[in-house]
Amino acid sequence: MTWHTDGMPLAVQGSLFDHPPGGPAALVAPAVPQPRRVELAHGAWVDVQPHWLPGADTLFHRLLDAVPWVGERRRMYDRTVDVPRLLAFCGEGEALPDPLLAHSLELINACYAPALGEPLVTAGFCLYRDGRDSVAWHGDDTGRSRTEDTVIAIVSLGSPRELALRPKGGRTAHRFALGHGDLVVMGGSCQRTWEHAVLKTTRAVGPRISVQFRTRGVR
C-alpha cells in the first residue's frame, strides 16, 4: 500500500507478525513488556523486545495520517539545512494521536515507572521516509538526563531501520534492526555515557515511524 506525507509517496511492506485475528483492523493490545536486557558499560543498559506491539503496521498507517508532521530546518555551521526526517511532539498532558499508543504507554510505565520512580509523560515522533533520512550520533542529554539516569522507550513502526549504539568517543558496539512493533528501551546512564544514531543507508528501505516516550524534563 502507498501513502503520501508532505507530497512524498511512502510504501510499506507489511510484517508476517502483524496480522492479528480478525484481520488487520482488529488491533490487539500488547502485554506488559518482557524484554531481553543488554548490559552496556558505565551503568547503561538497553532492553529489546521484537514484535511487542500487535497490529503495528496498521497503527503506522493511522499515525501517518493523524500526526501533524513538520519538516524543520536547523542552523549547521554557516548555513541552514533541512532536518533529514519529519518530526512531531506531544508534551505532558497532551492527548496522544491514537488510543493504542496511549495504552502502550500505560503498559510501558507499568514495567518501568516503579524502578524509575516516575512515569514517561511525553512522546516524540520521527518519520524516516527512506534511507536518506537519518539522525546523527547523539545522546538525549538535554535537560535532566545530562546528570541523571533516565529511561527512554522507543516503539518502532513500519519498515526496519538500524539503531546503532556506541560508547561516547568509541566505535559502534551494538546494532538493532527496529520496525514492525519492536520495543527498545535505553536506561541507566545510556543518554550521557553512550550515543545512538539511525544512519543513512543506500539500501532500499521503506518508511519507519519512531515513537519516543520520555520522562519530564528530558529531550
Protein backbone atom coordinates (compact mmCIF):
# COMPACT_ATOMS: atom_id res chain seq x y z
CA MET A 1 0.00 0.00 0.00
CA THR A 2 1.23 3.51 -0.81
CA TRP A 3 0.62 6.55 1.38
CA HIS A 4 1.57 10.20 0.98
CA THR A 5 3.07 12.60 3.51
CA ASP A 6 4.18 16.11 2.56
CA GLY A 7 3.77 15.23 -1.10
CA MET A 8 6.06 12.19 -0.97
CA PRO A 9 4.77 8.67 -1.74
CA LEU A 10 5.52 6.16 1.02
CA ALA A 11 5.22 2.40 0.61
CA VAL A 12 5.47 -0.07 3.49
CA GLN A 13 5.95 -3.83 3.22
CA GLY A 14 3.85 -5.47 5.94
CA SER A 15 5.26 -7.85 8.53
CA LEU A 16 4.28 -11.51 8.77
CA PHE A 17 3.88 -10.92 12.53
CA ASP A 18 1.36 -8.11 12.04
CA HIS A 19 -1.91 -9.91 11.28
CA PRO A 20 -3.96 -10.29 14.46
CA PRO A 21 -7.10 -12.48 14.50
CA GLY A 22 -10.00 -10.75 12.76
CA GLY A 23 -7.89 -9.02 10.12
CA PRO A 24 -5.56 -6.01 10.06
CA ALA A 25 -8.13 -3.62 11.52
CA ALA A 26 -8.73 -5.78 14.63
CA LEU A 27 -5.85 -4.43 16.70
CA VAL A 28 -4.81 -6.41 19.78
CA ALA A 29 -3.40 -4.62 22.82
CA PRO A 30 0.14 -5.64 23.77
CA ALA A 31 1.04 -7.23 27.09
CA VAL A 32 3.25 -5.64 29.73
CA PRO A 33 6.76 -5.69 28.20
CA GLN A 34 9.08 -8.60 28.98
CA PRO A 35 12.21 -7.55 27.10
CA ARG A 36 15.70 -9.01 26.87
CA ARG A 37 18.26 -6.79 28.60
CA VAL A 38 21.66 -5.99 27.09
CA GLU A 39 24.05 -4.65 29.73
CA LEU A 40 26.34 -1.89 28.49
CA ALA A 41 29.37 -0.26 30.10
CA HIS A 42 29.28 2.64 32.59
CA GLY A 43 25.93 1.70 34.15
CA ALA A 44 23.98 1.85 30.88
CA TRP A 45 21.60 -0.80 29.54
CA VAL A 46 19.23 -1.48 26.64
CA ASP A 47 16.09 -3.62 26.71
CA VAL A 48 14.84 -5.10 23.43
CA GLN A 49 11.55 -6.88 22.66
CA PRO A 50 10.89 -7.67 18.97
CA HIS A 51 7.28 -7.58 17.68
CA TRP A 52 5.95 -6.30 21.01
CA LEU A 53 3.08 -4.28 19.53
CA PRO A 54 0.46 -6.33 17.61
CA GLY A 55 -1.10 -4.55 14.65
CA ALA A 56 1.92 -2.25 14.34
CA ASP A 57 1.70 -1.82 10.57
CA THR A 58 -1.95 -0.77 10.80
CA LEU A 59 -1.01 1.73 13.51
CA PHE A 60 1.80 3.02 11.27
CA HIS A 61 -0.70 3.97 8.57
CA ARG A 62 -3.03 5.62 11.10
CA LEU A 63 -0.21 7.72 12.54
CA LEU A 64 1.00 8.67 9.07
CA ASP A 65 -2.33 10.45 8.61
CA ALA A 66 -3.06 11.55 12.21
CA VAL A 67 0.27 13.06 13.29
CA PRO A 68 0.89 16.72 12.27
CA TRP A 69 4.29 16.06 10.70
CA VAL A 70 6.66 19.02 10.41
CA GLY A 71 9.80 19.42 8.32
CA GLU A 72 12.24 21.52 10.38
CA ARG A 73 15.31 23.50 9.36
CA ARG A 74 18.34 23.95 11.61
CA ARG A 75 21.48 26.03 11.59
CA MET A 76 24.61 23.98 10.90
CA TYR A 77 27.89 25.87 10.83
CA ASP A 78 27.47 28.65 8.22
CA ARG A 79 24.20 27.51 6.62
CA THR A 80 20.65 26.40 7.38
CA VAL A 81 19.75 22.85 6.34
CA ASP A 82 16.66 20.63 6.31
CA VAL A 83 16.41 18.15 9.19
CA PRO A 84 16.58 14.75 7.42
CA ARG A 85 13.30 13.39 8.87
CA LEU A 86 9.83 14.68 9.73
CA LEU A 87 9.02 15.45 13.37
CA ALA A 88 6.17 15.93 15.85
CA PHE A 89 5.87 16.15 19.63
CA CYS A 90 3.22 15.61 22.33
CA GLY A 91 4.01 17.32 25.62
CA GLU A 92 2.96 16.24 29.09
CA GLY A 93 -0.83 16.26 29.40
CA GLU A 94 -1.42 16.38 25.63
CA ALA A 95 -3.54 13.63 24.09
CA LEU A 96 -1.60 11.08 22.06
CA PRO A 97 -2.76 10.75 18.42
CA ASP A 98 -4.03 7.17 18.80
CA PRO A 99 -5.63 5.26 21.72
CA LEU A 100 -3.38 2.25 21.09
CA LEU A 101 -0.35 4.47 21.74
CA ALA A 102 -1.90 5.70 24.99
CA HIS A 103 -2.48 2.11 26.12
CA SER A 104 1.04 1.13 25.09
CA LEU A 105 2.46 3.95 27.22
CA GLU A 106 0.42 2.73 30.22
CA LEU A 107 1.93 -0.75 29.84
CA ILE A 108 5.48 0.59 29.43
CA ASN A 109 5.03 2.67 32.58
CA ALA A 110 3.70 -0.37 34.45
CA CYS A 111 7.02 -2.07 33.63
CA TYR A 112 9.49 0.78 34.20
CA ALA A 113 7.95 3.53 36.36
CA PRO A 114 8.23 1.66 39.70
CA ALA A 115 12.03 1.27 39.39
CA LEU A 116 12.49 4.69 37.78
CA GLY A 117 10.36 6.43 40.38
CA GLU A 118 8.34 8.40 37.80
CA PRO A 119 6.36 7.77 34.61
CA LEU A 120 7.19 8.54 30.99
CA VAL A 121 4.98 11.51 30.07
CA THR A 122 5.99 12.94 26.66
CA ALA A 123 6.10 11.49 23.16
CA GLY A 124 8.35 12.48 20.29
CA PHE A 125 7.67 11.27 16.75
CA CYS A 126 10.15 10.83 13.88
CA LEU A 127 9.23 9.76 10.34
CA TYR A 128 12.14 8.35 8.35
CA ARG A 129 10.80 8.39 4.78
CA ASP A 130 13.63 6.40 3.14
CA GLY A 131 17.33 5.63 3.55
CA ARG A 132 18.27 9.29 3.08
CA ASP A 133 16.51 10.23 6.32
CA SER A 134 18.60 9.81 9.46
CA VAL A 135 19.61 11.08 12.87
CA ALA A 136 23.30 11.59 13.65
CA TRP A 137 25.18 10.25 16.66
CA HIS A 138 23.86 11.83 19.86
CA GLY A 139 22.61 11.27 23.38
CA ASP A 140 19.25 12.61 24.57
CA ASP A 141 21.03 14.67 27.21
CA THR A 142 19.15 17.97 27.02
CA GLY A 143 17.73 18.55 30.48
CA ARG A 144 17.90 16.24 33.50
CA SER A 145 19.41 13.32 31.60
CA ARG A 146 22.68 15.27 31.32
CA THR A 147 23.32 14.46 35.01
CA GLU A 148 20.70 11.83 35.98
CA ASP A 149 19.87 8.27 34.97
CA THR A 150 16.69 8.04 32.95
CA VAL A 151 14.65 5.78 30.68
CA ILE A 152 13.66 6.44 27.06
CA ALA A 153 11.32 3.91 25.44
CA ILE A 154 11.06 3.70 21.65
CA VAL A 155 8.28 1.92 19.75
CA SER A 156 9.20 1.33 16.09
CA LEU A 157 6.56 1.09 13.38
CA GLY A 158 6.86 0.38 9.68
CA SER A 159 9.92 -0.88 7.83
CA PRO A 160 13.00 -1.78 9.91
CA ARG A 161 15.88 0.68 10.27
CA GLU A 162 19.08 0.04 12.17
CA LEU A 163 19.60 1.73 15.54
CA ALA A 164 23.34 1.86 16.28
CA LEU A 165 24.88 2.42 19.72
CA ARG A 166 28.42 3.28 20.75
CA PRO A 167 30.14 4.48 23.92
CA LYS A 168 30.96 8.18 23.74
CA GLY A 169 34.22 8.58 21.86
CA GLY A 170 34.20 4.92 20.83
CA ARG A 171 33.19 2.69 17.95
CA THR A 172 29.81 1.17 17.15
CA ALA A 173 29.22 -1.62 19.65
CA HIS A 174 25.61 -2.70 19.03
CA ARG A 175 23.15 -2.59 16.13
CA PHE A 176 19.42 -3.31 16.38
CA ALA A 177 17.15 -3.56 13.32
CA LEU A 178 13.93 -1.97 14.61
CA GLY A 179 10.49 -1.90 12.97
CA HIS A 180 7.08 -3.64 12.85
CA GLY A 181 6.19 -3.06 16.52
CA ASP A 182 9.61 -3.62 18.11
CA LEU A 183 10.26 -2.05 21.52
CA VAL A 184 13.66 -0.79 22.64
CA VAL A 185 14.29 0.93 25.98
CA MET A 186 17.53 2.75 26.80
CA GLY A 187 18.15 3.16 30.52
CA GLY A 188 20.63 3.87 33.27
CA SER A 189 23.39 6.25 32.18
CA CYS A 190 22.82 5.48 28.48
CA GLN A 191 21.98 9.04 27.41
CA ARG A 192 25.11 10.61 28.91
CA THR A 193 27.70 7.82 28.51
CA TRP A 194 26.58 6.33 25.16
CA GLU A 195 25.40 7.69 21.82
CA HIS A 196 22.86 6.32 19.35
CA ALA A 197 22.07 7.00 15.71
CA VAL A 198 19.92 5.99 12.76
CA LEU A 199 22.44 6.35 9.95
CA LYS A 200 21.80 6.98 6.27
CA THR A 201 21.82 3.93 4.02
CA THR A 202 21.94 3.32 0.28
CA ARG A 203 19.91 0.12 0.69
CA ALA A 204 16.29 0.17 -0.44
CA VAL A 205 14.34 0.67 2.80
CA GLY A 206 10.75 1.64 3.41
CA PRO A 207 9.45 4.34 5.77
CA ARG A 208 9.62 3.98 9.55
CA ILE A 209 7.96 5.86 12.42
CA SER A 210 9.81 6.05 15.73
CA VAL A 211 7.78 6.97 18.84
CA GLN A 212 9.97 8.03 21.77
CA PHE A 213 8.47 8.18 25.28
CA ARG A 214 10.43 10.24 27.82
CA THR A 215 10.18 11.44 31.42
CA ARG A 216 9.52 15.03 32.47
CA GLY A 217 12.40 17.41 31.69
CA VAL A 218 14.23 15.14 29.21
CA ARG A 219 14.55 15.92 25.49
